[in-house]
Amino acid sequence: MINSSKYPSLNKSSQNIADYFRTKEVDPYIANVIISQASVNILPFPEYIKPDFNFDEVIYTNELNNDVSVQNRVKVYKLAHFINNPTETTDKYNVFANIGITPFGENKFLILVPEFNNKNEIIRWRNAKITNLQNGILQSNQLHKWLLSNNLTLKVFLPNNSFVEKSPDYTNSVYVPFGFRGPDVEVVNQALNENTLKLGIERLQRNIINTSFYKEGFIKEDTIFVFIKALNTTFDKNDFAKVFSSGNINFNVLPKIILDGLYEITHDLSGDY
């Protein structure tokens, strides 16, 4: 949920809040939200915003010891120049800035520069050499400020005239619908190697805490704790990590998992749920 009262830059006296989002680009704040959520495979619905990304080879060179590592099929999001001028023509927006970004471990991002072939096609990426950013590594809490200071945003396709939905309850509130887009690689690897989904459940808990439902008090902390505890117990009881990592989910077991989960929640000793 993006609320104009919390972000004064989104609330302009001569402009309706919905009109602000009827632009040809996303601003650095929204780009920051999208990129941060993308690190846990949560992306905006493509009917509203379609980030431009490639799955490419990334060559990482550690500038401290010159060690080189190569990763294949890394999801790299392209960045564009932030125009912030409504009088410009459409072709001036979402122009690739020859910079990319990808999640890099926990709460970090890696800034990348592309390499092209003779057809001007990207063939690989390398970590960027940037002053004050060792190895091109950016902390997640620096992302918004870094985008702003460099006049950058996320390169996107905007299929509709407005890339948000208006809240039916609050006239000064709009939201970008997000959804989970696929299994996180680290979660899958933990399920395969350790037969547990603890990392996935931890990330689910973190995302629930980051929602407006929790921040506005609609969901209590003890309720989240009971839900997460029940989820852990239910998944372990049904060996769901093995099922999840195999990719072959037998839908016949889902009713049992749901019933087990409801049982764990309703029989929790900390209260009635």
C-alpha atoms as a PDB file:
ATOM      1  CA  MET A   1       0.000   0.000   0.000  1.00  0.00           C
ATOM      2  CA  ILE A   2       1.381   3.403  -0.986  1.00  0.00           C
ATOM      3  CA  ASN A   3      -0.242   6.201   0.968  1.00  0.00           C
ATOM      4  CA  SER A   4       0.120   9.847  -0.033  1.00  0.00           C
ATOM      5  CA  SER A   5      -0.010  11.032   3.584  1.00  0.00           C
ATOM      6  CA  LYS A   6       3.051   8.936   4.429  1.00  0.00           C
ATOM      7  CA  TYR A   7       4.992   9.934   1.298  1.00  0.00           C
ATOM      8  CA  PRO A   8       4.520  13.690   0.792  1.00  0.00           C
ATOM      9  CA  SER A   9       6.371  13.584  -2.535  1.00  0.00           C
ATOM     10  CA  LEU A  10       3.415  11.608  -3.891  1.00  0.00           C
ATOM     11  CA  ASN A  11       0.877  14.190  -2.752  1.00  0.00           C
ATOM     12  CA  LYS A  12       0.843  17.268  -4.965  1.00  0.00           C
ATOM     13  CA  SER A  13      -1.672  20.071  -4.576  1.00  0.00           C
ATOM     14  CA  SER A  14      -2.246  20.441  -8.319  1.00  0.00           C
ATOM     15  CA  GLN A  15      -2.458  16.748  -8.971  1.00  0.00           C
ATOM     16  CA  ASN A  16      -4.839  13.974  -7.966  1.00  0.00           C
ATOM     17  CA  ILE A  17      -3.055  11.035  -6.306  1.00  0.00           C
ATOM     18  CA  ALA A  18      -4.215   8.668  -9.068  1.00  0.00           C
ATOM     19  CA  ASP A  19      -2.953  11.060 -11.769  1.00  0.00           C
ATOM     20  CA  TYR A  20       0.519  10.844 -10.286  1.00  0.00           C
ATOM     21  CA  PHE A  21       0.620   7.175 -11.214  1.00  0.00           C
ATOM     22  CA  ARG A  22      -0.686   7.811 -14.723  1.00  0.00           C
ATOM     23  CA  THR A  23       2.880   8.361 -15.892  1.00  0.00           C
ATOM     24  CA  LYS A  24       5.156   6.689 -18.414  1.00  0.00           C
ATOM     25  CA  GLU A  25       7.684   5.506 -15.809  1.00  0.00           C
ATOM     26  CA  VAL A  26       7.880   4.377 -12.193  1.00  0.00           C
ATOM     27  CA  ASP A  27       9.713   6.692  -9.831  1.00  0.00           C
ATOM     28  CA  PRO A  28      12.781   5.588  -7.797  1.00  0.00           C
ATOM     29  CA  TYR A  29      10.730   4.935  -4.649  1.00  0.00           C
ATOM     30  CA  ILE A  30       8.416   2.499  -6.438  1.00  0.00           C
ATOM     31  CA  ALA A  31      11.415   1.002  -8.258  1.00  0.00           C
ATOM     32  CA  ASN A  32      13.033   0.428  -4.859  1.00  0.00           C
ATOM     33  CA  VAL A  33       9.919  -1.381  -3.589  1.00  0.00           C
ATOM     34  CA  ILE A  34       9.662  -3.577  -6.696  1.00  0.00           C
ATOM     35  CA  ILE A  35      13.360  -4.520  -6.709  1.00  0.00           C
ATOM     36  CA  SER A  36      13.356  -5.252  -2.974  1.00  0.00           C
ATOM     37  CA  GLN A  37      10.260  -7.457  -3.237  1.00  0.00           C
ATOM     38  CA  ALA A  38      11.700  -9.184  -6.306  1.00  0.00           C
ATOM     39  CA  SER A  39      14.552 -10.500  -4.151  1.00  0.00           C
ATOM     40  CA  VAL A  40      11.980 -12.839  -2.563  1.00  0.00           C
ATOM     41  CA  ASN A  41      10.211 -13.550  -5.877  1.00  0.00           C
ATOM     42  CA  ILE A  42       7.302 -11.201  -5.273  1.00  0.00           C
ATOM     43  CA  LEU A  43       6.521  -9.083  -8.331  1.00  0.00           C
ATOM     44  CA  PRO A  44       3.767  -6.691  -9.408  1.00  0.00           C
ATOM     45  CA  PHE A  45       0.976  -8.167 -11.479  1.00  0.00           C
ATOM     46  CA  PRO A  46       2.012  -7.913 -15.154  1.00  0.00           C
ATOM     47  CA  GLU A  47      -1.294  -6.216 -16.023  1.00  0.00           C
ATOM     48  CA  TYR A  48       0.042  -3.184 -14.129  1.00  0.00           C
ATOM     49  CA  ILE A  49       3.847  -3.234 -14.255  1.00  0.00           C
ATOM     50  CA  LYS A  50       6.178  -5.555 -16.168  1.00  0.00           C
ATOM     51  CA  PRO A  51       9.828  -5.160 -15.088  1.00  0.00           C
ATOM     52  CA  ASP A  52      12.377  -5.700 -17.860  1.00  0.00           C
ATOM     53  CA  PHE A  53      14.838  -8.451 -16.945  1.00  0.00           C
ATOM     54  CA  ASN A  54      17.089 -11.086 -18.500  1.00  0.00           C
ATOM     55  CA  PHE A  55      18.436 -14.435 -17.354  1.00  0.00           C
ATOM     56  CA  ASP A  56      22.115 -14.075 -18.206  1.00  0.00           C
ATOM     57  CA  GLU A  57      25.641 -15.040 -17.264  1.00  0.00           C
ATOM     58  CA  VAL A  58      27.187 -12.901 -14.523  1.00  0.00           C
ATOM     59  CA  ILE A  59      30.940 -12.673 -13.966  1.00  0.00           C
ATOM     60  CA  TYR A  60      31.835 -11.484 -10.475  1.00  0.00           C
ATOM     61  CA  THR A  61      35.378 -10.242  -9.858  1.00  0.00           C
ATOM     62  CA  ASN A  62      36.424  -9.572  -6.265  1.00  0.00           C
ATOM     63  CA  GLU A  63      38.504  -6.399  -6.422  1.00  0.00           C
ATOM     64  CA  LEU A  64      40.266  -7.282  -3.155  1.00  0.00           C
ATOM     65  CA  ASN A  65      41.886 -10.502  -4.382  1.00  0.00           C
ATOM     66  CA  ASN A  66      40.940 -10.686  -8.096  1.00  0.00           C
ATOM     67  CA  ASP A  67      39.069 -13.966  -7.576  1.00  0.00           C
ATOM     68  CA  VAL A  68      36.579 -14.556 -10.380  1.00  0.00           C
ATOM     69  CA  SER A  69      33.334 -16.524 -10.168  1.00  0.00           C
ATOM     70  CA  VAL A  70      30.806 -17.177 -12.920  1.00  0.00           C
ATOM     71  CA  GLN A  71      27.081 -17.789 -12.486  1.00  0.00           C
ATOM     72  CA  ASN A  72      24.701 -18.792 -15.259  1.00  0.00           C
ATOM     73  CA  ARG A  73      21.072 -17.753 -15.745  1.00  0.00           C
ATOM     74  CA  VAL A  74      21.089 -15.007 -13.138  1.00  0.00           C
ATOM     75  CA  LYS A  75      17.967 -12.856 -13.106  1.00  0.00           C
ATOM     76  CA  VAL A  76      19.169  -9.325 -13.882  1.00  0.00           C
ATOM     77  CA  TYR A  77      16.775  -6.370 -13.743  1.00  0.00           C
ATOM     78  CA  LYS A  78      17.526  -3.532 -16.145  1.00  0.00           C
ATOM     79  CA  LEU A  79      17.616   0.060 -14.943  1.00  0.00           C
ATOM     80  CA  ALA A  80      16.522   3.097 -16.939  1.00  0.00           C
ATOM     81  CA  HIS A  81      17.119   6.840 -16.783  1.00  0.00           C
ATOM     82  CA  PHE A  82      14.545   8.580 -14.579  1.00  0.00           C
ATOM     83  CA  ILE A  83      13.034  11.400 -16.671  1.00  0.00           C
ATOM     84  CA  ASN A  84      10.493  12.949 -14.267  1.00  0.00           C
ATOM     85  CA  ASN A  85       9.144  15.262 -16.960  1.00  0.00           C
ATOM     86  CA  PRO A  86       5.515  14.740 -18.055  1.00  0.00           C
ATOM     87  CA  THR A  87       6.024  16.806 -21.223  1.00  0.00           C
ATOM     88  CA  GLU A  88       8.500  14.328 -22.721  1.00  0.00           C
ATOM     89  CA  THR A  89       7.365  11.955 -25.440  1.00  0.00           C
ATOM     90  CA  THR A  90       6.884   8.262 -24.664  1.00  0.00           C
ATOM     91  CA  ASP A  91      10.074   7.191 -26.444  1.00  0.00           C
ATOM     92  CA  LYS A  92      12.176   9.158 -23.940  1.00  0.00           C
ATOM     93  CA  TYR A  93      11.025   6.987 -21.044  1.00  0.00           C
ATOM     94  CA  ASN A  94      12.304   3.571 -19.989  1.00  0.00           C
ATOM     95  CA  VAL A  95      15.495   3.924 -21.976  1.00  0.00           C
ATOM     96  CA  PHE A  96      18.059   1.363 -20.833  1.00  0.00           C
ATOM     97  CA  ALA A  97      20.832   3.055 -18.830  1.00  0.00           C
ATOM     98  CA  ASN A  98      23.360   0.240 -19.444  1.00  0.00           C
ATOM     99  CA  ILE A  99      23.112  -0.740 -15.790  1.00  0.00           C
ATOM    100  CA  GLY A 100      21.540  -3.810 -14.197  1.00  0.00           C
ATOM    101  CA  ILE A 101      20.854  -5.013 -10.685  1.00  0.00           C
ATOM    102  CA  THR A 102      20.357  -8.422  -9.090  1.00  0.00           C
ATOM    103  CA  PRO A 103      19.802  -9.694  -5.529  1.00  0.00           C
ATOM    104  CA  PHE A 104      23.107 -10.682  -3.918  1.00  0.00           C
ATOM    105  CA  GLY A 105      22.705 -12.659  -0.718  1.00  0.00           C
ATOM    106  CA  GLU A 106      20.635 -11.411   2.189  1.00  0.00           C
ATOM    107  CA  ASN A 107      19.668  -7.707   2.074  1.00  0.00           C
ATOM    108  CA  LYS A 108      22.180  -6.848  -0.643  1.00  0.00           C
ATOM    109  CA  PHE A 109      22.162  -6.098  -4.355  1.00  0.00           C
ATOM    110  CA  LEU A 110      24.847  -6.305  -7.004  1.00  0.00           C
ATOM    111  CA  ILE A 111      25.154  -3.493  -9.531  1.00  0.00           C
ATOM    112  CA  LEU A 112      26.083  -4.823 -12.960  1.00  0.00           C
ATOM    113  CA  VAL A 113      27.253  -3.506 -16.326  1.00  0.00           C
ATOM    114  CA  PRO A 114      26.485  -5.360 -19.563  1.00  0.00           C
ATOM    115  CA  GLU A 115      28.780  -6.708 -22.252  1.00  0.00           C
ATOM    116  CA  PHE A 116      27.452  -6.752 -25.815  1.00  0.00           C
ATOM    117  CA  ASN A 117      28.185  -8.750 -28.951  1.00  0.00           C
ATOM    118  CA  ASN A 118      28.555  -7.193 -32.401  1.00  0.00           C
ATOM    119  CA  LYS A 119      24.751  -7.252 -32.803  1.00  0.00           C
ATOM    120  CA  ASN A 120      24.365  -5.072 -29.703  1.00  0.00           C
ATOM    121  CA  GLU A 121      22.866  -7.995 -27.764  1.00  0.00           C
ATOM    122  CA  ILE A 122      23.737  -8.509 -24.104  1.00  0.00           C
ATOM    123  CA  ILE A 123      25.858 -11.637 -23.722  1.00  0.00           C
ATOM    124  CA  ARG A 124      26.887 -11.322 -20.078  1.00  0.00           C
ATOM    125  CA  TRP A 125      27.162  -8.932 -17.132  1.00  0.00           C
ATOM    126  CA  ARG A 126      30.019  -7.958 -14.805  1.00  0.00           C
ATOM    127  CA  ASN A 127      29.889  -6.400 -11.365  1.00  0.00           C
ATOM    128  CA  ALA A 128      30.331  -2.646 -11.684  1.00  0.00           C
ATOM    129  CA  LYS A 129      33.280  -0.653 -10.371  1.00  0.00           C
ATOM    130  CA  ILE A 130      31.679   2.159  -8.389  1.00  0.00           C
ATOM    131  CA  THR A 131      33.300   4.566  -5.945  1.00  0.00           C
ATOM    132  CA  ASN A 132      32.267   3.803  -2.344  1.00  0.00           C
ATOM    133  CA  LEU A 133      30.556   0.555  -3.397  1.00  0.00           C
ATOM    134  CA  GLN A 134      33.106  -2.213  -2.997  1.00  0.00           C
ATOM    135  CA  ASN A 135      32.665  -4.831  -5.726  1.00  0.00           C
ATOM    136  CA  GLY A 136      29.486  -3.054  -6.817  1.00  0.00           C
ATOM    137  CA  ILE A 137      27.618  -4.352  -3.752  1.00  0.00           C
ATOM    138  CA  LEU A 138      24.762  -2.183  -2.481  1.00  0.00           C
ATOM    139  CA  GLN A 139      23.003  -2.658   0.872  1.00  0.00           C
ATOM    140  CA  SER A 140      19.223  -2.880   0.546  1.00  0.00           C
ATOM    141  CA  ASN A 141      18.702   0.175   2.784  1.00  0.00           C
ATOM    142  CA  GLN A 142      20.860   2.220   0.369  1.00  0.00           C
ATOM    143  CA  LEU A 143      18.941   1.317  -2.779  1.00  0.00           C
ATOM    144  CA  HIS A 144      16.363   4.118  -2.839  1.00  0.00           C
ATOM    145  CA  LYS A 145      18.926   6.847  -2.147  1.00  0.00           C
ATOM    146  CA  TRP A 146      21.317   5.386  -4.730  1.00  0.00           C
ATOM    147  CA  LEU A 147      18.614   5.354  -7.422  1.00  0.00           C
ATOM    148  CA  LEU A 148      17.653   8.948  -6.601  1.00  0.00           C
ATOM    149  CA  SER A 149      21.210  10.283  -6.592  1.00  0.00           C
ATOM    150  CA  ASN A 150      21.923   8.681  -9.967  1.00  0.00           C
ATOM    151  CA  ASN A 151      18.580   9.582 -11.598  1.00  0.00           C
ATOM    152  CA  LEU A 152      17.795   5.928 -12.180  1.00  0.00           C
ATOM    153  CA  THR A 153      14.677   3.827 -11.976  1.00  0.00           C
ATOM    154  CA  LEU A 154      13.531   0.364 -12.962  1.00  0.00           C
ATOM    155  CA  LYS A 155      13.060  -0.213 -16.689  1.00  0.00           C
ATOM    156  CA  VAL A 156       9.467  -1.365 -17.092  1.00  0.00           C
ATOM    157  CA  PHE A 157       6.603  -1.874 -19.505  1.00  0.00           C
ATOM    158  CA  LEU A 158       3.373  -0.196 -18.400  1.00  0.00           C
ATOM    159  CA  PRO A 159       0.426  -1.854 -20.191  1.00  0.00           C
ATOM    160  CA  ASN A 160      -2.289   0.416 -18.727  1.00  0.00           C
ATOM    161  CA  ASN A 161      -2.817   4.152 -18.423  1.00  0.00           C
ATOM    162  CA  SER A 162      -2.375   3.873 -14.664  1.00  0.00           C
ATOM    163  CA  PHE A 163      -0.168   1.294 -12.978  1.00  0.00           C
ATOM    164  CA  VAL A 164      -2.014   1.229  -9.645  1.00  0.00           C
ATOM    165  CA  GLU A 165      -5.434   0.410  -8.226  1.00  0.00           C
ATOM    166  CA  LYS A 166      -7.278   3.003  -6.163  1.00  0.00           C
ATOM    167  CA  SER A 167      -8.213   1.932  -2.666  1.00  0.00           C
ATOM    168  CA  PRO A 168     -12.006   1.609  -2.306  1.00  0.00           C
ATOM    169  CA  ASP A 169     -11.748   2.692   1.342  1.00  0.00           C
ATOM    170  CA  TYR A 170      -9.381   5.688   1.269  1.00  0.00           C
ATOM    171  CA  THR A 171      -9.452   8.405  -1.385  1.00  0.00           C
ATOM    172  CA  ASN A 172      -5.782   9.314  -0.909  1.00  0.00           C
ATOM    173  CA  SER A 173      -4.510   5.743  -1.106  1.00  0.00           C
ATOM    174  CA  VAL A 174      -3.533   3.586  -4.037  1.00  0.00           C
ATOM    175  CA  TYR A 175      -1.773   0.267  -4.277  1.00  0.00           C
ATOM    176  CA  VAL A 176       0.221  -1.828  -6.710  1.00  0.00           C
ATOM    177  CA  PRO A 177      -0.995  -5.461  -6.690  1.00  0.00           C
ATOM    178  CA  PHE A 178       1.868  -7.874  -6.049  1.00  0.00           C
ATOM    179  CA  GLY A 179       2.012 -11.657  -6.254  1.00  0.00           C
ATOM    180  CA  PHE A 180       4.390 -14.535  -5.596  1.00  0.00           C
ATOM    181  CA  ARG A 181       5.939 -15.597  -8.922  1.00  0.00           C
ATOM    182  CA  GLY A 182       7.774 -18.841  -8.252  1.00  0.00           C
ATOM    183  CA  PRO A 183       9.958 -20.782  -5.834  1.00  0.00           C
ATOM    184  CA  ASP A 184      12.994 -19.035  -4.371  1.00  0.00           C
ATOM    185  CA  VAL A 185      16.194 -20.828  -5.381  1.00  0.00           C
ATOM    186  CA  GLU A 186      17.626 -20.740  -1.836  1.00  0.00           C
ATOM    187  CA  VAL A 187      14.364 -22.138  -0.450  1.00  0.00           C
ATOM    188  CA  VAL A 188      14.371 -24.960  -3.005  1.00  0.00           C
ATOM    189  CA  ASN A 189      18.023 -25.766  -2.259  1.00  0.00           C
ATOM    190  CA  GLN A 190      17.329 -25.955   1.484  1.00  0.00           C
ATOM    191  CA  ALA A 191      14.364 -28.240   0.833  1.00  0.00           C
ATOM    192  CA  LEU A 192      16.537 -30.476  -1.347  1.00  0.00           C
ATOM    193  CA  ASN A 193      19.606 -30.590   0.888  1.00  0.00           C
ATOM    194  CA  GLU A 194      18.160 -30.252   4.399  1.00  0.00           C
ATOM    195  CA  ASN A 195      14.583 -31.489   3.904  1.00  0.00           C
ATOM    196  CA  THR A 196      13.085 -28.393   5.527  1.00  0.00           C
ATOM    197  CA  LEU A 197      11.191 -25.291   4.426  1.00  0.00           C
ATOM    198  CA  LYS A 198      12.248 -23.148   7.399  1.00  0.00           C
ATOM    199  CA  LEU A 199      13.872 -20.501   5.197  1.00  0.00           C
ATOM    200  CA  GLY A 200      10.755 -20.192   3.059  1.00  0.00           C
ATOM    201  CA  ILE A 201       8.542 -19.901   6.131  1.00  0.00           C
ATOM    202  CA  GLU A 202      10.879 -17.281   7.647  1.00  0.00           C
ATOM    203  CA  ARG A 203      10.638 -15.225   4.473  1.00  0.00           C
ATOM    204  CA  LEU A 204       6.870 -15.602   4.437  1.00  0.00           C
ATOM    205  CA  GLN A 205       6.773 -14.312   8.027  1.00  0.00           C
ATOM    206  CA  ARG A 206       8.975 -11.350   7.112  1.00  0.00           C
ATOM    207  CA  ASN A 207       6.733 -10.450   4.184  1.00  0.00           C
ATOM    208  CA  ILE A 208       3.600 -10.643   6.329  1.00  0.00           C
ATOM    209  CA  ILE A 209       5.226  -8.261   8.837  1.00  0.00           C
ATOM    210  CA  ASN A 210       6.016  -5.854   5.991  1.00  0.00           C
ATOM    211  CA  THR A 211       2.379  -5.661   4.867  1.00  0.00           C
ATOM    212  CA  SER A 212       0.022  -2.839   5.748  1.00  0.00           C
ATOM    213  CA  PHE A 213      -2.297  -5.389   7.408  1.00  0.00           C
ATOM    214  CA  TYR A 214       0.316  -5.921  10.144  1.00  0.00           C
ATOM    215  CA  LYS A 215       1.552  -2.336  10.313  1.00  0.00           C
ATOM    216  CA  GLU A 216      -1.998  -0.992  10.650  1.00  0.00           C
ATOM    217  CA  GLY A 217      -2.845  -3.519  13.365  1.00  0.00           C
ATOM    218  CA  PHE A 218      -5.228  -5.777  11.435  1.00  0.00           C
ATOM    219  CA  ILE A 219      -2.976  -8.773  12.130  1.00  0.00           C
ATOM    220  CA  LYS A 220      -1.480  -9.187  15.603  1.00  0.00           C
ATOM    221  CA  GLU A 221       2.049 -10.424  16.237  1.00  0.00           C
ATOM    222  CA  ASP A 222       0.858 -13.372  18.330  1.00  0.00           C
ATOM    223  CA  THR A 223      -1.456 -14.445  15.487  1.00  0.00           C
ATOM    224  CA  ILE A 224       1.473 -14.471  13.063  1.00  0.00           C
ATOM    225  CA  PHE A 225       3.538 -16.475  15.560  1.00  0.00           C
ATOM    226  CA  VAL A 226       0.808 -19.119  15.920  1.00  0.00           C
ATOM    227  CA  PHE A 227       0.326 -19.303  12.137  1.00  0.00           C
ATOM    228  CA  ILE A 228       4.068 -19.718  11.457  1.00  0.00           C
ATOM    229  CA  LYS A 229       4.416 -22.306  14.217  1.00  0.00           C
ATOM    230  CA  ALA A 230       1.469 -24.286  12.798  1.00  0.00           C
ATOM    231  CA  LEU A 231       2.929 -24.068   9.295  1.00  0.00           C
ATOM    232  CA  ASN A 232       6.296 -25.438  10.454  1.00  0.00           C
ATOM    233  CA  THR A 233       4.673 -28.308  12.343  1.00  0.00           C
ATOM    234  CA  THR A 234       2.286 -29.180   9.510  1.00  0.00           C
ATOM    235  CA  PHE A 235       4.981 -29.163   6.828  1.00  0.00           C
ATOM    236  CA  ASP A 236       7.276 -31.329   8.969  1.00  0.00           C
ATOM    237  CA  LYS A 237       4.466 -33.760   9.812  1.00  0.00           C
ATOM    238  CA  ASN A 238       3.637 -34.238   6.124  1.00  0.00           C
ATOM    239  CA  ASP A 239       7.245 -34.175   4.864  1.00  0.00           C
ATOM    240  CA  PHE A 240       6.195 -31.322   2.597  1.00  0.00           C
ATOM    241  CA  ALA A 241       9.770 -30.152   1.938  1.00  0.00           C
ATOM    242  CA  LYS A 242      10.387 -33.329  -0.065  1.00  0.00           C
ATOM    243  CA  VAL A 243       7.140 -32.873  -1.987  1.00  0.00           C
ATOM    244  CA  PHE A 244       7.897 -29.185  -2.638  1.00  0.00           C
ATOM    245  CA  SER A 245      11.451 -29.766  -3.866  1.00  0.00           C
ATOM    246  CA  SER A 246      10.348 -32.549  -6.224  1.00  0.00           C
ATOM    247  CA  GLY A 247       8.028 -30.201  -8.088  1.00  0.00           C
ATOM    248  CA  ASN A 248       5.434 -32.986  -8.269  1.00  0.00           C
ATOM    249  CA  ILE A 249       2.742 -31.996  -5.813  1.00  0.00           C
ATOM    250  CA  ASN A 250       0.073 -34.611  -5.222  1.00  0.00           C
ATOM    251  CA  PHE A 251      -3.033 -32.499  -4.744  1.00  0.00           C
ATOM    252  CA  ASN A 252      -4.676 -35.369  -2.874  1.00  0.00           C
ATOM    253  CA  VAL A 253      -2.461 -34.582   0.138  1.00  0.00           C
ATOM    254  CA  LEU A 254      -3.440 -30.900   0.261  1.00  0.00           C
ATOM    255  CA  PRO A 255      -6.717 -31.450   2.184  1.00  0.00           C
ATOM    256  CA  LYS A 256      -4.765 -33.312   4.891  1.00  0.00           C
ATOM    257  CA  ILE A 257      -2.179 -30.523   5.067  1.00  0.00           C
ATOM    258  CA  ILE A 258      -4.934 -27.917   5.384  1.00  0.00           C
ATOM    259  CA  LEU A 259      -6.742 -29.903   8.077  1.00  0.00           C
ATOM    260  CA  ASP A 260      -3.495 -30.507   9.977  1.00  0.00           C
ATOM    261  CA  GLY A 261      -2.748 -26.794   9.803  1.00  0.00           C
ATOM    262  CA  LEU A 262      -6.188 -25.867  11.113  1.00  0.00           C
ATOM    263  CA  TYR A 263      -5.807 -28.418  13.911  1.00  0.00           C
ATOM    264  CA  GLU A 264      -2.442 -26.955  14.969  1.00  0.00           C
ATOM    265  CA  ILE A 265      -3.837 -23.423  14.991  1.00  0.00           C
ATOM    266  CA  THR A 266      -7.026 -24.253  16.906  1.00  0.00           C
ATOM    267  CA  HIS A 267      -5.197 -26.391  19.467  1.00  0.00           C
ATOM    268  CA  ASP A 268      -2.411 -23.924  20.178  1.00  0.00           C
ATOM    269  CA  LEU A 269      -1.952 -23.475  23.930  1.00  0.00           C
ATOM    270  CA  SER A 270      -1.455 -19.702  23.675  1.00  0.00           C
ATOM    271  CA  GLY A 271      -5.107 -18.951  22.912  1.00  0.00           C
ATOM    272  CA  ASP A 272      -8.169 -19.429  20.735  1.00  0.00           C
ATOM    273  CA  TYR A 273      -7.756 -18.852  16.993  1.00  0.00           C
END
